[in-house]
Amino acid sequence: MTFTPRAAWADTPEPVRTAVAEALGATIAGHTDLHGGMSPGPAAGLRLADGRQVFVKAVSAEVRAHNHTMIRQEAAILDALPTSVPAPQRLATVEHGDWIALATTWAVGATGKSWTDASIAAVATACRTANGHLAPGTLPPVAQRIFDFDGWTRLLEIGTGDAWEAAHAGPAADLVAGWERWTAGDALVHRDIRLDNTTVDAQKRSAVLLDWAYAAAGAPWIDLAQLAADVVATGHTLGQPAATDRAYRLLRTLPPEASRFVVGLAGMWCIRAATIPDTVMPGISAWRHARSAALRPLVTRLIADLRPDQPAGHTRRPRKSVG
């Protein structure tokens, strides 16, 4: 998944590359550019002269200030995580002019293009391990890391796009209402579980969770709910029916609020696709729309489970705007 081509590590300003090597205490003997993700900045695996392999990502605030902020935020979060959390360890942070670079330990394993039963199991175990920790006191409540969870309500106000949305947006909005309350908790939450934010070691059947910039304190089931949603949105090697089945099975092991969270994620992607232009990352609106659309069979089933008394086709009356 990529929306803007990542710059090459070799295109990073030489003073930044030199500062990274100095911070790591070894010269850089070679590198492999990595692709994917939601940043235009370089990401690379570095081979150091002392034999170590490390990961580094960098970006200029002039190119995209948001990613610059996220790298600084992730660096602070990684320092706060216990070593028992399945996460990379920060090795160095370098700031030079408009540039920031973060170097971490290398996460052994691979990131597939689609989910498999084995990768779902490995990442679910990693989530449970991470969520078994109390969130460090420096992390904010998860409500500060959740955005546009009023998506279904806003969609009703601006107008639904098709018959499925007209039939389901109302019940979905009702289920997501009050999310700030029922997502609260004191567990360590990654909050951005996606396939491309994981590596899976097939031999050890283990996983490492990557990109911790959105970590927070919240309910311990949030990451597993987000895993379920991403299995459907990203896809399973056995096809979309299998993805929906695996996600539903996982959600059945969790509190009902986890299913409500998945409904909220679908609404988040739906309203963002409808209202946020592609000016910064071309193609992201289509990506969000595709994710929300892929979740429709699962959301339909979850609404039926959570609101068995709700007749199909119910549409909540939109709220009138004030002012």
Protein backbone atom coordinates (compact mmCIF):
# COMPACT_ATOMS: atom_id res chain seq x y z
CA MET A 1 0.00 0.00 0.00
CA THR A 2 1.50 3.32 -1.05
CA PHE A 3 0.01 6.63 -2.15
CA THR A 4 3.08 8.75 -2.72
CA PRO A 5 6.38 7.25 -3.95
CA ARG A 6 8.89 7.03 -1.14
CA ALA A 7 12.12 8.88 -1.65
CA ALA A 8 15.26 6.76 -1.81
CA TRP A 9 17.63 6.63 1.15
CA ALA A 10 20.40 7.85 -1.17
CA ASP A 11 18.36 11.01 -1.79
CA THR A 12 18.34 11.84 1.92
CA PRO A 13 20.67 14.80 2.55
CA GLU A 14 24.20 13.63 3.23
CA PRO A 15 24.42 15.39 6.63
CA VAL A 16 21.34 13.42 7.77
CA ARG A 17 22.82 10.10 6.63
CA THR A 18 26.12 10.93 8.31
CA ALA A 19 24.36 11.90 11.54
CA VAL A 20 22.42 8.60 11.52
CA ALA A 21 25.66 6.62 11.15
CA GLU A 22 27.30 8.59 13.95
CA ALA A 23 24.30 8.06 16.22
CA LEU A 24 24.40 4.32 15.50
CA GLY A 25 28.16 4.18 16.14
CA ALA A 26 29.01 2.44 12.87
CA THR A 27 29.41 3.30 9.21
CA ILE A 28 26.65 2.29 6.80
CA ALA A 29 27.94 -0.50 4.57
CA GLY A 30 24.82 -0.82 2.43
CA HIS A 31 21.09 -0.34 2.36
CA THR A 32 17.86 -1.63 0.85
CA ASP A 33 15.11 0.84 0.06
CA LEU A 34 11.69 -0.19 1.37
CA HIS A 35 8.36 0.80 -0.12
CA GLY A 36 4.74 1.11 0.98
CA GLY A 37 3.08 2.99 3.80
CA MET A 38 1.68 6.48 4.03
CA SER A 39 4.79 8.64 4.02
CA PRO A 40 6.73 10.17 1.13
CA GLY A 41 9.94 9.98 3.15
CA PRO A 42 12.60 7.27 2.70
CA ALA A 43 12.47 3.98 4.58
CA ALA A 44 15.36 1.55 4.41
CA GLY A 45 17.07 -1.42 5.91
CA LEU A 46 20.65 -0.41 6.72
CA ARG A 47 23.57 -2.84 6.85
CA LEU A 48 26.18 -1.51 9.27
CA ALA A 49 29.90 -2.20 9.13
CA ASP A 50 29.73 -3.93 12.52
CA GLY A 51 27.31 -6.52 11.14
CA ARG A 52 24.06 -5.10 12.48
CA GLN A 53 20.95 -4.60 10.40
CA VAL A 54 18.66 -1.76 11.42
CA PHE A 55 15.59 0.00 10.11
CA VAL A 56 15.47 3.72 9.45
CA LYS A 57 12.80 6.10 8.22
CA ALA A 58 13.07 9.81 7.64
CA VAL A 59 11.12 12.74 6.27
CA SER A 60 11.40 16.46 5.78
CA ALA A 61 8.81 18.70 7.42
CA GLU A 62 8.89 20.72 4.23
CA VAL A 63 7.67 17.66 2.29
CA ARG A 64 5.00 16.58 4.80
CA ALA A 65 4.83 18.09 8.27
CA HIS A 66 2.39 15.44 9.55
CA ASN A 67 4.84 12.59 9.01
CA HIS A 68 7.63 14.64 10.58
CA THR A 69 5.50 15.03 13.71
CA MET A 70 4.58 11.33 13.70
CA ILE A 71 8.23 10.23 13.64
CA ARG A 72 9.05 12.42 16.63
CA GLN A 73 5.93 11.14 18.41
CA GLU A 74 6.79 7.50 17.71
CA ALA A 75 10.35 7.94 18.97
CA ALA A 76 9.04 9.11 22.34
CA ILE A 77 6.50 6.28 22.51
CA LEU A 78 9.08 3.58 21.73
CA ASP A 79 11.20 4.84 24.61
CA ALA A 80 8.24 4.44 26.97
CA LEU A 81 7.36 0.87 25.98
CA PRO A 82 8.50 -2.07 28.12
CA THR A 83 10.90 -4.41 26.35
CA SER A 84 8.33 -7.21 26.72
CA VAL A 85 6.07 -5.47 24.19
CA PRO A 86 6.46 -6.94 20.65
CA ALA A 87 7.78 -3.70 19.17
CA PRO A 88 11.07 -2.50 17.70
CA GLN A 89 13.44 -0.67 20.03
CA ARG A 90 14.54 2.85 19.25
CA LEU A 91 18.24 3.10 18.53
CA ALA A 92 18.62 6.72 17.49
CA THR A 93 16.71 9.84 16.54
CA VAL A 94 18.38 12.48 14.40
CA GLU A 95 17.10 15.96 13.60
CA HIS A 96 18.89 18.13 11.07
CA GLY A 97 17.26 21.22 9.65
CA ASP A 98 13.80 20.26 8.39
CA TRP A 99 14.65 16.56 8.52
CA ILE A 100 14.04 13.95 11.19
CA ALA A 101 15.18 10.31 11.09
CA LEU A 102 14.33 7.41 13.39
CA ALA A 103 16.46 4.26 13.56
CA THR A 104 15.16 1.12 15.26
CA THR A 105 16.09 -2.51 15.67
CA TRP A 106 15.29 -4.68 12.67
CA ALA A 107 12.04 -6.64 12.98
CA VAL A 108 12.63 -10.19 11.83
CA GLY A 109 9.98 -11.56 9.51
CA ALA A 110 8.02 -10.53 6.46
CA THR A 111 4.96 -8.47 5.63
CA GLY A 112 2.59 -10.19 3.25
CA LYS A 113 0.28 -8.57 0.72
CA SER A 114 -2.76 -10.42 2.12
CA TRP A 115 -3.64 -11.98 5.45
CA THR A 116 -3.32 -15.72 6.06
CA ASP A 117 -4.64 -17.79 8.94
CA ALA A 118 -1.08 -18.02 10.26
CA SER A 119 -0.43 -14.28 10.13
CA ILE A 120 -3.79 -13.53 11.77
CA ALA A 121 -2.92 -15.89 14.63
CA ALA A 122 0.59 -14.45 15.05
CA VAL A 123 -0.56 -10.83 15.03
CA ALA A 124 -3.47 -11.60 17.36
CA THR A 125 -1.01 -13.09 19.83
CA ALA A 126 1.23 -10.03 19.53
CA CYS A 127 -1.77 -7.76 20.15
CA ARG A 128 -2.79 -9.70 23.23
CA THR A 129 0.77 -9.51 24.56
CA ALA A 130 0.93 -5.75 24.02
CA ASN A 131 -2.56 -5.15 25.35
CA GLY A 132 -1.73 -7.11 28.50
CA HIS A 133 0.49 -4.21 29.56
CA LEU A 134 -0.73 -1.10 31.31
CA ALA A 135 -0.25 1.92 29.08
CA PRO A 136 2.70 4.11 30.10
CA GLY A 137 1.54 7.24 31.86
CA THR A 138 2.85 9.43 29.05
CA LEU A 139 0.30 8.06 26.57
CA PRO A 140 -3.00 9.89 26.04
CA PRO A 141 -6.49 8.35 26.27
CA VAL A 142 -7.37 6.48 23.09
CA ALA A 143 -10.19 8.95 22.36
CA GLN A 144 -7.43 11.38 21.36
CA ARG A 145 -6.18 8.88 18.76
CA ILE A 146 -9.58 8.04 17.20
CA PHE A 147 -10.82 10.31 14.46
CA ASP A 148 -14.07 10.71 12.50
CA PHE A 149 -15.96 8.07 14.47
CA ASP A 150 -19.08 10.13 13.88
CA GLY A 151 -18.82 9.14 10.22
CA TRP A 152 -22.19 7.43 9.92
CA THR A 153 -23.97 10.36 11.59
CA ARG A 154 -22.27 12.85 9.28
CA LEU A 155 -23.11 10.70 6.28
CA LEU A 156 -26.78 10.89 7.21
CA GLU A 157 -26.48 14.66 7.35
CA ILE A 158 -24.79 15.12 3.96
CA GLY A 159 -26.76 12.34 2.27
CA THR A 160 -26.08 8.64 1.81
CA GLY A 161 -24.54 7.53 -1.45
CA ASP A 162 -26.45 4.36 -2.28
CA ALA A 163 -29.17 1.98 -1.09
CA TRP A 164 -26.88 0.04 1.27
CA GLU A 165 -25.80 3.21 3.05
CA ALA A 166 -29.41 4.44 3.22
CA ALA A 167 -30.45 1.17 4.89
CA HIS A 168 -27.55 0.79 7.30
CA ALA A 169 -26.14 4.22 8.17
CA GLY A 170 -28.82 4.90 10.80
CA PRO A 171 -28.41 1.67 12.80
CA ALA A 172 -24.63 1.95 12.41
CA ALA A 173 -24.63 5.50 13.80
CA ASP A 174 -26.68 4.35 16.79
CA LEU A 175 -24.23 1.53 17.54
CA VAL A 176 -21.18 3.79 17.44
CA ALA A 177 -22.73 6.50 19.63
CA GLY A 178 -20.86 7.12 22.88
CA TRP A 179 -17.62 5.58 21.56
CA GLU A 180 -15.50 7.90 23.73
CA ARG A 181 -16.92 6.14 26.79
CA TRP A 182 -16.81 2.50 25.75
CA THR A 183 -13.33 2.62 24.18
CA ALA A 184 -11.76 3.99 27.37
CA GLY A 185 -9.36 1.92 29.45
CA ASP A 186 -5.83 1.69 30.80
CA ALA A 187 -4.40 -1.02 28.51
CA LEU A 188 -1.58 -0.33 26.08
CA VAL A 189 -3.19 0.06 22.67
CA HIS A 190 -1.26 0.25 19.38
CA ARG A 191 -4.32 1.77 17.62
CA ASP A 192 -3.06 1.36 14.04
CA ILE A 193 -3.08 -2.38 13.41
CA ARG A 194 -2.82 -3.02 9.68
CA LEU A 195 -1.05 -5.76 7.77
CA ASP A 196 1.62 -3.31 6.59
CA ASN A 197 2.29 -2.35 10.21
CA THR A 198 3.37 -5.88 11.12
CA THR A 199 6.10 -8.38 10.37
CA VAL A 200 5.50 -12.10 10.86
CA ASP A 201 8.22 -14.67 11.55
CA ALA A 202 6.75 -17.81 9.99
CA GLN A 203 9.23 -20.15 11.69
CA LYS A 204 8.58 -18.83 15.19
CA ARG A 205 4.90 -18.10 14.47
CA SER A 206 5.38 -14.71 16.06
CA ALA A 207 4.86 -11.12 15.01
CA VAL A 208 6.24 -7.67 15.71
CA LEU A 209 3.95 -4.63 15.67
CA LEU A 210 5.40 -1.63 13.83
CA ASP A 211 4.66 2.11 13.61
CA TRP A 212 3.64 3.01 17.16
CA ALA A 213 2.92 6.71 16.62
CA TYR A 214 -0.78 6.36 17.57
CA ALA A 215 -0.30 4.30 20.73
CA ALA A 216 -2.63 5.18 23.61
CA ALA A 217 -4.36 3.98 26.75
CA GLY A 218 -7.66 2.26 25.99
CA ALA A 219 -9.81 -0.84 26.11
CA PRO A 220 -7.72 -4.01 25.69
CA TRP A 221 -9.81 -5.35 22.77
CA ILE A 222 -9.28 -2.35 20.45
CA ASP A 223 -6.27 -3.74 18.58
CA LEU A 224 -7.97 -7.10 18.02
CA ALA A 225 -11.04 -5.30 16.67
CA GLN A 226 -8.84 -3.29 14.34
CA LEU A 227 -7.13 -6.51 13.28
CA ALA A 228 -10.51 -8.01 12.40
CA ALA A 229 -11.41 -4.95 10.34
CA ASP A 230 -8.09 -4.99 8.49
CA VAL A 231 -8.37 -8.69 7.64
CA VAL A 232 -11.53 -7.80 5.70
CA ALA A 233 -10.33 -4.47 4.33
CA THR A 234 -6.92 -5.74 3.19
CA GLY A 235 -8.05 -9.23 2.21
CA HIS A 236 -7.24 -12.88 2.87
CA THR A 237 -5.30 -15.19 0.57
CA LEU A 238 -8.35 -17.48 0.44
CA GLY A 239 -10.64 -14.69 -0.79
CA GLN A 240 -13.09 -12.18 0.61
CA PRO A 241 -15.62 -14.63 2.09
CA ALA A 242 -12.78 -16.19 4.10
CA ALA A 243 -11.64 -12.74 5.25
CA THR A 244 -15.13 -11.88 6.50
CA ASP A 245 -15.45 -15.28 8.19
CA ARG A 246 -12.10 -14.99 9.99
CA ALA A 247 -12.90 -11.47 11.15
CA TYR A 248 -16.33 -12.48 12.42
CA ARG A 249 -14.89 -15.46 14.30
CA LEU A 250 -12.32 -13.21 15.97
CA LEU A 251 -14.95 -10.66 16.97
CA ARG A 252 -17.10 -13.39 18.51
CA THR A 253 -14.30 -13.96 21.06
CA LEU A 254 -14.37 -10.29 22.12
CA PRO A 255 -16.82 -8.04 23.97
CA PRO A 256 -19.70 -6.59 21.90
CA GLU A 257 -17.95 -3.21 21.94
CA ALA A 258 -15.32 -4.64 19.61
CA SER A 259 -17.98 -5.22 16.96
CA ARG A 260 -19.25 -1.68 17.50
CA PHE A 261 -15.69 -0.46 16.96
CA VAL A 262 -15.49 -2.20 13.60
CA VAL A 263 -18.76 -0.54 12.59
CA GLY A 264 -17.19 2.77 13.58
CA LEU A 265 -14.09 2.12 11.49
CA ALA A 266 -16.25 1.46 8.43
CA GLY A 267 -18.01 4.77 9.00
CA MET A 268 -14.70 6.55 9.49
CA TRP A 269 -13.36 5.32 6.15
CA CYS A 270 -16.69 6.09 4.46
CA ILE A 271 -16.91 9.73 5.60
CA ARG A 272 -13.22 10.37 4.93
CA ALA A 273 -13.56 9.02 1.40
CA ALA A 274 -16.55 11.30 0.86
CA THR A 275 -15.16 14.51 2.36
CA ILE A 276 -11.33 14.56 2.31
CA PRO A 277 -9.71 15.23 -1.09
CA ASP A 278 -6.70 13.40 -2.51
CA THR A 279 -4.52 16.50 -2.66
CA VAL A 280 -1.91 15.26 -0.19
CA MET A 281 -1.92 11.54 -1.00
CA PRO A 282 -3.44 10.78 -4.42
CA GLY A 283 -5.53 7.62 -4.35
CA ILE A 284 -6.27 7.58 -0.64
CA SER A 285 -9.97 8.42 -1.11
CA ALA A 286 -10.39 5.38 -3.35
CA TRP A 287 -8.47 3.27 -0.83
CA ARG A 288 -10.74 4.41 2.01
CA HIS A 289 -13.88 3.84 -0.06
CA ALA A 290 -12.69 0.33 -0.95
CA ARG A 291 -12.05 -0.52 2.69
CA SER A 292 -15.47 0.69 3.79
CA ALA A 293 -17.15 -1.17 0.93
CA ALA A 294 -15.28 -4.40 1.72
CA LEU A 295 -16.58 -4.25 5.29
CA ARG A 296 -20.25 -4.02 4.26
CA PRO A 297 -21.06 -7.76 4.56
CA LEU A 298 -19.44 -7.88 8.00
CA VAL A 299 -21.09 -4.63 9.15
CA THR A 300 -24.48 -5.94 7.99
CA ARG A 301 -23.96 -9.08 10.06
CA LEU A 302 -22.75 -7.15 13.11
CA ILE A 303 -25.75 -4.82 13.01
CA ALA A 304 -28.04 -7.85 12.92
CA ASP A 305 -26.22 -9.35 15.91
CA LEU A 306 -26.11 -6.17 17.95
CA ARG A 307 -29.58 -4.85 17.05
CA PRO A 308 -31.73 -7.93 16.44
CA ASP A 309 -34.89 -5.87 16.97
CA GLN A 310 -33.92 -3.37 14.26
CA PRO A 311 -35.84 -3.95 10.99
CA ALA A 312 -33.82 -3.90 7.80
CA GLY A 313 -33.95 -0.64 5.95
CA HIS A 314 -34.34 1.50 9.10
CA THR A 315 -32.86 4.94 8.57
CA ARG A 316 -32.40 7.32 11.44
CA ARG A 317 -33.62 10.84 10.70
CA PRO A 318 -30.63 13.15 10.15
CA ARG A 319 -30.04 15.80 12.76
CA LYS A 320 -30.69 19.37 11.72
CA SER A 321 -27.68 21.62 11.64
CA VAL A 322 -27.56 24.40 14.17
CA GLY A 323 -26.30 27.90 13.51
